[in-house]
Amino acid sequence: MDRATFACSTAFFRDYSSSAQGTFSTGHVDFIDKIESFTYSDFFRDYLIPNQPCVFSEKFTDGWGSRRNWVTWGGKPDFDHLLQEFGEAIVPVANCDVKEYNSNPKEQLPFKEYISYWKEYIKNGYRSSRGCLYLKDWHLSRAFPEQDVYTTPVYFSSDWLNEYWDAIAVDDYRFVYMGPKGSWTPFHADVFRSYSWSANICGRKKWLLYPPGQEDYLKDCHGNLPFDVTAPGLQDRSVYPRYNQSQPPVEIVQEAGEIVFIPSGWHHQVYNLEDTISINHNWVNGCNVAIMWCFLQDELAAVQREINEWKDPMDDWHLQCQLIMKSCTGIDYKEFYNFLKVIAENRISILEKGLDDEASSKNTPKAAISTLGMLHAVFDLKRTVKVLTSLSANEDFKKLDLTSLSPPPEALLHHLKAAIDTALL
């Protein structure tokens, strides 16, 4: 990447809309082919800030170990190699033929059992009494950190979500998906309304994408989103009264080696057109952290409506709302504060102490900022200040016991603003 060009970019000092939702009026999705001339600043300006999808060519994944080692000469999953490397692992497997609430039920299986099933499924003409099973949301990189699987492209390296969960060593949002032809993922938007990127190691996928807001037209008369946006039942106006007002989905057919960038808040449904393996990340950064914050407020409001009848007799009603929200989404307001704090303190440390010589060779926040430039740290801090200011003023946040937060929100905000002012001198 051309660091000098990016460092001089004025994009970081524009007062972008906090929602960054963007508009999308056509079905065209840009295809990025020239790896040597497409910079991070190009991606930032043309896709992150406008919140628009795009597809990267197979050139961007040519050097990955998984594309060399996990695939046969014929472009199919190399089951023998995969069994040799991961045969004893336990993996999460969903049944695509069964609907459970608005998803598919999952079970934990030995990887070798899943590969045995997959081979038999192919042999039987893609049919099985067990249904169509899809290995998904496997934290392979966390379980096998020594494996040469892939390198996160620079365009997706400003990744607050995984930076935070790596720091607290609890979870991550880096996944491997493996499934036969016909496996699919029902209609949804990604966790926390995050961005996602998905790279096909082998096989092909079909994506159906809806820009933010279009999902409202797809809800039924009770306000529920459909499980399958291709189901004929959506034509029934007595059940889906606004379906005829929706735009057709943006359709992408993703080939082997290609990476699809899914913007924040875009609902989508995905099909494997062939036996397919993919690498997927969910990620949040300064461009869409305000969308994450809006999503959390909406989720809490929904919980509050559901248990409103218990507000008066329950002494800790506000705390219970937070607990329910965390059980549903994976985060509550106090953890969201800690999330912002970790990101902010990492950026402040970089601005105050500079980049050491080792930073660029390590998978750390300093390594990412070393690649993206110091002005990116300033941009991150400015975006954090906006969201943290809103969080601190939020009435539901102020009703919580905040004494355990260190530093207190006011002190952290003061430190952030001082660091920004010093950096801009």
Protein backbone atom coordinates (compact mmCIF):
# COMPACT_ATOMS: atom_id res chain seq x y z
CA MET A 1 0.00 0.00 0.00
CA ASP A 2 1.11 3.55 -0.73
CA ARG A 3 1.45 4.81 2.85
CA ALA A 4 2.52 8.29 1.82
CA THR A 5 -0.58 8.80 -0.29
CA PHE A 6 -2.81 7.53 2.50
CA ALA A 7 -1.15 9.55 5.24
CA CYS A 8 -1.71 12.73 3.26
CA SER A 9 -5.35 11.91 2.59
CA THR A 10 -7.78 14.50 3.90
CA ALA A 11 -10.48 11.85 4.24
CA PHE A 12 -9.74 11.38 7.95
CA PHE A 13 -10.56 14.99 8.74
CA ARG A 14 -13.91 15.24 6.97
CA ASP A 15 -16.97 15.34 9.17
CA TYR A 16 -18.69 12.26 7.80
CA SER A 17 -22.24 11.38 8.72
CA SER A 18 -22.27 9.27 11.88
CA SER A 19 -24.54 6.71 10.27
CA ALA A 20 -22.47 6.10 7.13
CA GLN A 21 -25.45 4.21 5.74
CA GLY A 22 -25.00 5.39 2.17
CA THR A 23 -27.44 4.85 -0.69
CA PHE A 24 -27.51 2.19 -3.36
CA SER A 25 -29.71 2.66 -6.39
CA THR A 26 -28.46 0.05 -8.85
CA GLY A 27 -27.61 -3.63 -8.85
CA HIS A 28 -24.04 -3.01 -10.00
CA VAL A 29 -21.26 -4.15 -7.66
CA ASP A 30 -17.70 -3.05 -8.38
CA PHE A 31 -15.09 -5.71 -9.14
CA ILE A 32 -11.58 -4.87 -7.91
CA ASP A 33 -8.97 -6.55 -10.07
CA LYS A 34 -5.74 -4.50 -9.94
CA ILE A 35 -4.05 -5.40 -6.68
CA GLU A 36 -0.99 -3.27 -7.44
CA SER A 37 -2.93 0.00 -7.81
CA PHE A 38 -5.86 -0.39 -5.39
CA THR A 39 -4.87 1.24 -2.09
CA TYR A 40 -6.39 1.25 1.37
CA SER A 41 -7.36 4.89 0.87
CA ASP A 42 -9.25 3.89 -2.29
CA PHE A 43 -11.19 1.27 -0.33
CA PHE A 44 -11.78 3.68 2.56
CA ARG A 45 -13.08 6.44 0.28
CA ASP A 46 -15.13 4.37 -2.19
CA TYR A 47 -16.54 1.50 -0.08
CA LEU A 48 -16.07 1.87 3.70
CA ILE A 49 -17.39 5.41 4.08
CA PRO A 50 -20.20 5.10 1.48
CA ASN A 51 -21.00 1.63 2.92
CA GLN A 52 -21.09 -0.03 -0.50
CA PRO A 53 -20.32 -3.66 -1.42
CA CYS A 54 -17.55 -4.74 -3.75
CA VAL A 55 -15.77 -7.90 -4.90
CA PHE A 56 -12.00 -8.46 -4.92
CA SER A 57 -10.54 -10.74 -7.58
CA GLU A 58 -8.74 -14.01 -6.86
CA LYS A 59 -5.42 -12.14 -7.20
CA PHE A 60 -5.89 -10.85 -3.64
CA THR A 61 -5.82 -14.40 -2.19
CA ASP A 62 -3.25 -16.04 -4.49
CA GLY A 63 -0.58 -16.30 -1.77
CA TRP A 64 -2.75 -17.89 0.92
CA GLY A 65 -1.70 -21.27 2.31
CA SER A 66 -5.30 -22.51 2.31
CA ARG A 67 -5.64 -21.89 -1.42
CA ARG A 68 -2.46 -23.89 -2.03
CA ASN A 69 -3.08 -26.72 0.40
CA TRP A 70 -6.82 -27.17 0.94
CA VAL A 71 -7.80 -27.52 -2.71
CA THR A 72 -7.22 -30.29 -5.27
CA TRP A 73 -5.89 -29.66 -8.77
CA GLY A 74 -9.49 -29.87 -9.93
CA GLY A 75 -10.57 -27.03 -7.64
CA LYS A 76 -12.42 -29.22 -5.11
CA PRO A 77 -11.92 -29.45 -1.32
CA ASP A 78 -8.90 -31.66 -0.60
CA PHE A 79 -10.54 -33.91 1.99
CA ASP A 80 -7.40 -35.98 2.59
CA HIS A 81 -5.28 -32.93 3.43
CA LEU A 82 -8.00 -31.42 5.61
CA LEU A 83 -8.38 -34.67 7.54
CA GLN A 84 -4.64 -34.89 8.05
CA GLU A 85 -4.50 -31.38 9.52
CA PHE A 86 -7.80 -31.12 11.42
CA GLY A 87 -9.25 -34.64 11.70
CA GLU A 88 -9.48 -34.63 15.50
CA ALA A 89 -11.08 -31.18 15.81
CA ILE A 90 -14.64 -30.70 17.04
CA VAL A 91 -16.61 -28.40 14.76
CA PRO A 92 -20.02 -26.63 14.73
CA VAL A 93 -22.40 -28.01 12.10
CA ALA A 94 -25.80 -26.60 11.10
CA ASN A 95 -28.65 -28.51 9.43
CA CYS A 96 -29.80 -26.42 6.48
CA ASP A 97 -32.98 -28.48 6.10
CA VAL A 98 -34.37 -27.58 9.54
CA LYS A 99 -35.68 -24.22 10.70
CA GLU A 100 -35.24 -23.41 14.38
CA TYR A 101 -36.69 -19.99 15.17
CA ASN A 102 -35.06 -17.91 12.40
CA SER A 103 -31.93 -20.00 11.97
CA ASN A 104 -30.73 -23.60 11.61
CA PRO A 105 -30.07 -25.87 14.60
CA LYS A 106 -26.41 -26.65 15.28
CA GLU A 107 -24.54 -29.57 16.78
CA GLN A 108 -20.89 -30.25 17.57
CA LEU A 109 -19.32 -33.03 15.49
CA PRO A 110 -15.82 -34.45 15.08
CA PHE A 111 -14.36 -32.96 11.91
CA LYS A 112 -13.55 -36.42 10.56
CA GLU A 113 -17.21 -37.41 10.96
CA TYR A 114 -18.31 -34.31 9.05
CA ILE A 115 -15.90 -35.04 6.18
CA SER A 116 -17.14 -38.64 6.07
CA TYR A 117 -20.71 -37.32 5.84
CA TRP A 118 -19.73 -34.84 3.11
CA LYS A 119 -18.11 -37.51 0.95
CA GLU A 120 -21.16 -39.76 1.33
CA TYR A 121 -23.48 -36.83 0.58
CA ILE A 122 -21.68 -36.20 -2.73
CA LYS A 123 -21.67 -39.91 -3.57
CA ASN A 124 -25.44 -40.11 -3.00
CA GLY A 125 -26.19 -37.26 -5.40
CA TYR A 126 -26.23 -34.59 -2.67
CA ARG A 127 -28.88 -36.33 -0.61
CA SER A 128 -28.81 -37.72 2.92
CA SER A 129 -31.24 -38.83 5.59
CA ARG A 130 -29.30 -36.51 7.92
CA GLY A 131 -30.19 -33.50 5.78
CA CYS A 132 -27.87 -30.91 4.27
CA LEU A 133 -25.20 -30.25 6.90
CA TYR A 134 -23.09 -27.08 6.81
CA LEU A 135 -19.94 -26.57 8.90
CA LYS A 136 -20.09 -22.90 9.86
CA ASP A 137 -18.68 -20.41 12.37
CA TRP A 138 -15.63 -22.59 13.07
CA HIS A 139 -12.92 -20.64 14.96
CA LEU A 140 -10.16 -22.49 13.11
CA SER A 141 -7.53 -19.76 13.39
CA ARG A 142 -7.98 -19.61 17.15
CA ALA A 143 -7.82 -23.41 17.48
CA PHE A 144 -4.86 -23.84 15.09
CA PRO A 145 -2.85 -20.59 15.27
CA GLU A 146 0.25 -22.25 13.83
CA GLN A 147 -1.48 -23.10 10.55
CA ASP A 148 -0.63 -21.09 7.42
CA VAL A 149 -4.22 -20.45 6.38
CA TYR A 150 -4.49 -16.83 5.18
CA THR A 151 -3.34 -13.26 5.75
CA THR A 152 -5.95 -10.58 6.43
CA PRO A 153 -5.87 -8.12 3.51
CA VAL A 154 -4.80 -4.61 4.47
CA TYR A 155 -8.23 -3.26 3.50
CA PHE A 156 -9.79 -5.11 6.44
CA SER A 157 -6.98 -4.59 8.95
CA SER A 158 -8.65 -1.79 10.95
CA ASP A 159 -10.66 -4.36 12.87
CA TRP A 160 -11.78 -3.17 16.30
CA LEU A 161 -14.02 -6.16 16.95
CA ASN A 162 -11.25 -8.75 16.83
CA GLU A 163 -8.75 -6.34 18.39
CA TYR A 164 -10.98 -6.07 21.47
CA TRP A 165 -11.86 -9.76 21.80
CA ASP A 166 -8.22 -10.72 21.29
CA ALA A 167 -7.28 -8.30 24.09
CA ILE A 168 -9.65 -9.90 26.59
CA ALA A 169 -8.92 -13.41 25.23
CA VAL A 170 -12.57 -14.46 25.27
CA ASP A 171 -13.73 -14.81 21.69
CA ASP A 172 -13.11 -13.72 18.12
CA TYR A 173 -15.09 -13.15 14.93
CA ARG A 174 -12.88 -15.04 12.47
CA PHE A 175 -14.54 -18.10 10.96
CA VAL A 176 -14.17 -20.93 8.48
CA TYR A 177 -17.20 -22.25 6.60
CA MET A 178 -17.27 -25.57 4.70
CA GLY A 179 -20.30 -27.02 3.00
CA PRO A 180 -21.61 -29.05 0.08
CA LYS A 181 -23.46 -27.75 -2.93
CA GLY A 182 -26.89 -26.65 -1.79
CA SER A 183 -25.91 -25.59 1.74
CA TRP A 184 -27.02 -22.07 2.58
CA THR A 185 -27.38 -19.38 5.23
CA PRO A 186 -30.84 -17.87 5.91
CA PHE A 187 -31.66 -14.15 5.65
CA HIS A 188 -29.84 -12.06 8.26
CA ALA A 189 -27.63 -9.06 8.99
CA ASP A 190 -24.28 -9.63 10.65
CA VAL A 191 -23.53 -9.46 14.37
CA PHE A 192 -23.62 -5.89 15.80
CA ARG A 193 -24.40 -4.73 12.21
CA SER A 194 -20.69 -5.22 11.55
CA TYR A 195 -18.96 -5.30 8.21
CA SER A 196 -18.00 -8.71 6.93
CA TRP A 197 -15.62 -10.05 4.34
CA SER A 198 -15.83 -13.55 2.91
CA ALA A 199 -13.17 -15.22 0.76
CA ASN A 200 -13.84 -18.39 -1.20
CA ILE A 201 -10.96 -20.84 -0.88
CA CYS A 202 -12.73 -23.05 -3.40
CA GLY A 203 -16.22 -23.31 -4.82
CA ARG A 204 -18.80 -20.66 -5.69
CA LYS A 205 -21.42 -18.74 -3.71
CA LYS A 206 -24.50 -16.75 -4.65
CA TRP A 207 -25.26 -13.70 -2.49
CA LEU A 208 -28.59 -11.88 -2.29
CA LEU A 209 -28.01 -8.45 -0.71
CA TYR A 210 -30.47 -5.81 0.51
CA PRO A 211 -29.28 -2.26 1.35
CA PRO A 212 -30.15 -0.92 4.83
CA GLY A 213 -33.83 -0.08 5.11
CA GLN A 214 -35.01 -2.53 2.45
CA GLU A 215 -35.45 -5.24 5.08
CA ASP A 216 -38.40 -3.27 6.50
CA TYR A 217 -40.41 -4.04 3.36
CA LEU A 218 -39.75 -7.76 3.82
CA LYS A 219 -41.22 -8.01 7.33
CA ASP A 220 -44.45 -9.86 7.92
CA CYS A 221 -47.55 -8.37 9.52
CA HIS A 222 -46.06 -9.09 12.98
CA GLY A 223 -42.79 -7.28 12.18
CA ASN A 224 -40.71 -10.45 11.74
CA LEU A 225 -38.10 -10.85 9.01
CA PRO A 226 -38.41 -13.81 6.62
CA PHE A 227 -36.33 -16.93 7.03
CA ASP A 228 -35.93 -17.31 3.25
CA VAL A 229 -36.35 -14.28 0.98
CA THR A 230 -36.91 -16.54 -2.03
CA ALA A 231 -39.91 -18.33 -0.48
CA PRO A 232 -43.15 -18.04 -2.52
CA GLY A 233 -45.02 -17.14 0.67
CA LEU A 234 -43.60 -13.62 0.55
CA GLN A 235 -46.00 -12.90 -2.32
CA ASP A 236 -48.94 -13.25 0.09
CA ARG A 237 -49.88 -9.66 0.89
CA SER A 238 -52.00 -10.69 3.87
CA VAL A 239 -48.82 -11.95 5.54
CA TYR A 240 -46.16 -9.70 3.95
CA PRO A 241 -48.10 -6.48 3.25
CA ARG A 242 -45.13 -4.38 2.02
CA TYR A 243 -43.19 -6.96 0.04
CA ASN A 244 -44.23 -5.49 -3.32
CA GLN A 245 -42.55 -2.19 -2.30
CA SER A 246 -39.13 -3.82 -1.87
CA GLN A 247 -36.37 -3.56 -4.46
CA PRO A 248 -34.95 -6.74 -5.99
CA PRO A 249 -31.85 -7.91 -4.15
CA VAL A 250 -28.37 -7.13 -5.36
CA GLU A 251 -27.05 -10.46 -6.63
CA ILE A 252 -23.40 -11.52 -6.57
CA VAL A 253 -21.97 -14.80 -7.83
CA GLN A 254 -18.63 -15.21 -6.07
CA GLU A 255 -16.03 -17.40 -7.74
CA ALA A 256 -13.14 -19.35 -6.20
CA GLY A 257 -10.48 -17.07 -4.71
CA GLU A 258 -12.67 -13.97 -4.74
CA ILE A 259 -13.49 -11.86 -1.65
CA VAL A 260 -16.89 -10.25 -1.11
CA PHE A 261 -17.12 -7.15 1.09
CA ILE A 262 -20.52 -6.90 2.81
CA PRO A 263 -21.21 -3.40 4.17
CA SER A 264 -22.58 -2.62 7.60
CA GLY A 265 -26.27 -3.37 8.10
CA TRP A 266 -26.85 -4.99 4.71
CA HIS A 267 -29.15 -8.01 5.13
CA HIS A 268 -28.21 -10.99 3.00
CA GLN A 269 -28.84 -14.63 2.17
CA VAL A 270 -26.09 -16.90 0.82
CA TYR A 271 -26.02 -20.17 -1.16
CA ASN A 272 -23.18 -22.53 -1.96
CA LEU A 273 -23.48 -23.31 -5.68
CA GLU A 274 -20.70 -25.91 -5.42
CA ASP A 275 -18.80 -27.69 -2.66
CA THR A 276 -17.31 -24.62 -1.03
CA ILE A 277 -14.83 -23.54 1.65
CA SER A 278 -14.64 -19.91 2.77
CA ILE A 279 -12.88 -17.65 5.28
CA ASN A 280 -15.13 -15.07 6.94
CA HIS A 281 -14.49 -12.15 9.31
CA ASN A 282 -16.93 -9.82 11.05
CA TRP A 283 -15.39 -6.45 11.88
CA VAL A 284 -16.14 -2.97 13.16
CA ASN A 285 -14.03 0.18 12.95
CA GLY A 286 -14.33 3.94 13.09
CA CYS A 287 -16.43 4.03 9.93
CA ASN A 288 -19.30 1.97 11.32
CA VAL A 289 -18.96 2.02 15.11
CA ALA A 290 -21.84 4.54 15.24
CA ILE A 291 -24.03 1.98 13.43
CA MET A 292 -23.07 -0.59 16.07
CA TRP A 293 -24.07 1.87 18.81
CA CYS A 294 -27.43 2.55 17.12
CA PHE A 295 -28.01 -1.20 16.84
CA LEU A 296 -27.36 -1.68 20.57
CA GLN A 297 -29.82 1.10 21.44
CA ASP A 298 -32.46 -0.52 19.23
CA GLU A 299 -31.83 -3.92 20.81
CA LEU A 300 -32.17 -2.54 24.34
CA ALA A 301 -35.38 -0.72 23.39
CA ALA A 302 -36.79 -3.99 22.05
CA VAL A 303 -35.96 -5.78 25.31
CA GLN A 304 -37.51 -2.98 27.34
CA ARG A 305 -40.74 -3.25 25.36
CA GLU A 306 -40.85 -7.01 25.90
CA ILE A 307 -40.56 -6.86 29.70
CA ASN A 308 -42.15 -3.45 30.28
CA GLU A 309 -44.89 -4.97 32.45
CA TRP A 310 -42.23 -5.89 35.03
CA LYS A 311 -40.72 -2.42 35.24
CA ASP A 312 -42.48 -1.34 38.46
CA PRO A 313 -42.28 -4.53 40.57
CA MET A 314 -38.67 -5.26 39.61
CA ASP A 315 -36.04 -3.26 41.52
CA ASP A 316 -33.22 -4.03 39.09
CA TRP A 317 -35.31 -3.81 35.90
CA HIS A 318 -32.68 -1.76 34.02
CA LEU A 319 -29.96 -4.25 34.92
CA GLN A 320 -32.15 -7.16 33.85
CA CYS A 321 -32.71 -5.47 30.50
CA GLN A 322 -28.95 -5.24 30.05
CA LEU A 323 -28.50 -8.92 30.95
CA ILE A 324 -31.17 -10.01 28.47
CA MET A 325 -29.67 -7.82 25.75
CA LYS A 326 -26.23 -9.32 26.36
CA SER A 327 -27.61 -12.86 26.20
CA CYS A 328 -29.19 -12.04 22.82
CA THR A 329 -26.49 -9.89 21.21
CA GLY A 330 -23.28 -10.79 23.08
CA ILE A 331 -22.64 -7.37 24.58
CA ASP A 332 -24.23 -4.84 26.96
CA TYR A 333 -23.65 -1.12 27.51
CA LYS A 334 -20.86 -1.51 30.08
CA GLU A 335 -18.95 -3.93 27.88
CA PHE A 336 -19.48 -1.59 24.94
CA TYR A 337 -17.80 1.11 27.05
CA ASN A 338 -14.88 -1.24 27.72
CA PHE A 339 -14.74 -2.04 24.01
CA LEU A 340 -14.38 1.66 23.19
CA LYS A 341 -11.85 2.09 25.99
CA VAL A 342 -9.54 -0.68 24.75
CA ILE A 343 -9.57 0.71 21.21
CA ALA A 344 -9.01 4.27 22.43
CA GLU A 345 -6.19 3.38 24.83
CA ASN A 346 -4.41 1.40 22.11
CA ARG A 347 -4.55 4.45 19.82
CA ILE A 348 -3.45 6.83 22.55
CA SER A 349 -0.49 4.59 23.36
CA ILE A 350 0.54 4.65 19.72
CA LEU A 351 0.27 8.43 19.48
CA GLU A 352 2.12 9.02 22.75
CA LYS A 353 4.85 6.39 22.42
CA GLY A 354 5.16 6.09 18.66
CA LEU A 355 5.68 2.93 16.65
CA ASP A 356 8.50 0.63 17.60
CA ASP A 357 10.60 -1.21 15.03
CA GLU A 358 8.89 -4.53 15.75
CA ALA A 359 5.33 -3.31 15.19
CA SER A 360 5.06 -4.02 11.50
CA SER A 361 6.02 -7.68 11.91
CA LYS A 362 3.42 -8.56 14.55
CA ASN A 363 -0.31 -9.18 14.47
CA THR A 364 -1.06 -6.35 16.92
CA PRO A 365 -2.92 -3.01 16.90
CA LYS A 366 0.46 -1.34 16.47
CA ALA A 367 1.10 -3.45 13.38
CA ALA A 368 -2.18 -2.31 11.81
CA ILE A 369 -1.53 1.36 12.59
CA SER A 370 2.05 0.98 11.38
CA THR A 371 0.60 -0.06 8.03
CA LEU A 372 -2.23 2.46 7.90
CA GLY A 373 -0.42 5.48 9.31
CA MET A 374 -0.63 7.69 12.40
CA LEU A 375 -3.50 9.77 11.03
CA HIS A 376 -5.63 6.65 11.10
CA ALA A 377 -5.13 6.51 14.87
CA VAL A 378 -6.36 10.10 15.07
CA PHE A 379 -9.39 9.26 12.93
CA ASP A 380 -10.17 6.29 15.19
CA LEU A 381 -9.98 8.50 18.28
CA LYS A 382 -12.24 11.15 16.77
CA ARG A 383 -14.86 8.55 15.93
CA THR A 384 -14.55 7.00 19.39
CA VAL A 385 -15.09 10.42 21.01
CA LYS A 386 -18.36 10.89 19.11
CA VAL A 387 -19.79 7.54 20.14
CA LEU A 388 -18.44 7.69 23.70
CA THR A 389 -19.98 11.15 24.14
CA SER A 390 -23.35 9.75 23.07
CA LEU A 391 -22.98 6.69 25.31
CA SER A 392 -22.06 8.83 28.34
CA ALA A 393 -25.15 10.99 27.85
CA ASN A 394 -27.47 8.02 27.38
CA GLU A 395 -30.08 7.74 30.15
CA ASP A 396 -30.03 3.93 30.24
CA PHE A 397 -26.24 3.96 30.58
CA LYS A 398 -26.36 6.50 33.41
CA LYS A 399 -28.82 4.31 35.35
CA LEU A 400 -26.23 1.53 35.59
CA ASP A 401 -23.65 1.17 38.37
CA LEU A 402 -20.67 2.78 36.63
CA THR A 403 -18.30 2.72 39.61
CA SER A 404 -16.56 -0.38 38.22
CA LEU A 405 -15.59 1.44 35.02
CA SER A 406 -11.98 2.54 35.04
CA PRO A 407 -11.28 5.22 34.08
CA PRO A 408 -14.68 6.88 34.46
CA PRO A 409 -16.26 7.94 31.15
CA GLU A 410 -15.60 11.65 31.74
CA ALA A 411 -11.92 11.02 32.42
CA LEU A 412 -11.54 8.81 29.36
CA LEU A 413 -13.22 11.42 27.15
CA HIS A 414 -10.90 14.11 28.48
CA HIS A 415 -7.87 11.93 27.78
CA LEU A 416 -9.07 11.18 24.23
CA LYS A 417 -9.68 14.82 23.37
CA ALA A 418 -6.31 15.84 24.78
CA ALA A 419 -4.55 13.13 22.76
CA ILE A 420 -6.29 14.30 19.58
CA ASP A 421 -5.39 17.94 20.22
CA THR A 422 -1.75 17.03 20.86
CA ALA A 423 -1.55 14.87 17.74
CA LEU A 424 -2.93 17.66 15.56
CA LEU A 425 -0.50 20.31 16.79
